Amino acid sequence: RRGDWLRQRVARNGRNKAAVALANKNARILWALMYSGDRYRVA
């Protein structure tokens, strides 16, 4: 789950780096969706 992933990042790297990591992850997901033309499906 994304919440678990984010909690691990905050514990390991702090809030600011975790925020940047989450933004990067979201950007990669959005880029992949735009490139492929697929719809986002919540797992």
Protein backbone atom coordinates (compact mmCIF):
# COMPACT_ATOMS: atom_id res chain seq x y z
CA ARG A 1 0.00 0.00 0.00
CA ARG A 2 1.06 3.54 -0.69
CA GLY A 3 0.49 4.58 2.93
CA ASP A 4 2.89 1.92 4.16
CA TRP A 5 5.43 2.95 1.54
CA LEU A 6 5.20 6.59 2.61
CA ARG A 7 5.51 5.79 6.33
CA GLN A 8 8.67 3.80 5.63
CA ARG A 9 10.16 6.70 3.67
CA VAL A 10 9.36 9.21 6.42
CA ALA A 11 10.93 6.94 9.05
CA ARG A 12 14.04 6.38 6.94
CA ASN A 13 14.59 9.78 5.31
CA GLY A 14 12.48 12.40 7.06
CA ARG A 15 9.39 14.29 5.92
CA ASN A 16 10.95 16.53 3.28
CA LYS A 17 12.76 13.76 1.40
CA ALA A 18 9.69 11.55 1.68
CA ALA A 19 7.57 14.32 0.14
CA VAL A 20 9.98 14.61 -2.80
CA ALA A 21 10.03 10.82 -3.21
CA LEU A 22 6.22 10.72 -3.25
CA ALA A 23 6.05 13.53 -5.82
CA ASN A 24 8.56 11.66 -7.98
CA LYS A 25 6.58 8.43 -7.68
CA ASN A 26 3.32 10.18 -8.59
CA ALA A 27 4.95 11.91 -11.57
CA ARG A 28 6.28 8.59 -12.89
CA ILE A 29 2.86 6.96 -12.53
CA LEU A 30 1.13 9.87 -14.30
CA TRP A 31 3.70 9.92 -17.10
CA ALA A 32 3.29 6.18 -17.64
CA LEU A 33 -0.50 6.54 -17.76
CA MET A 34 -0.34 9.40 -20.25
CA TYR A 35 2.18 7.56 -22.41
CA SER A 36 0.25 4.28 -22.47
CA GLY A 37 -3.25 5.77 -22.64
CA ASP A 38 -4.48 3.43 -19.89
CA ARG A 39 -6.90 4.46 -17.17
CA TYR A 40 -5.82 4.60 -13.53
CA ARG A 41 -7.17 1.67 -11.52
CA VAL A 42 -7.01 1.78 -7.73
CA ALA A 43 -5.52 -1.47 -6.48
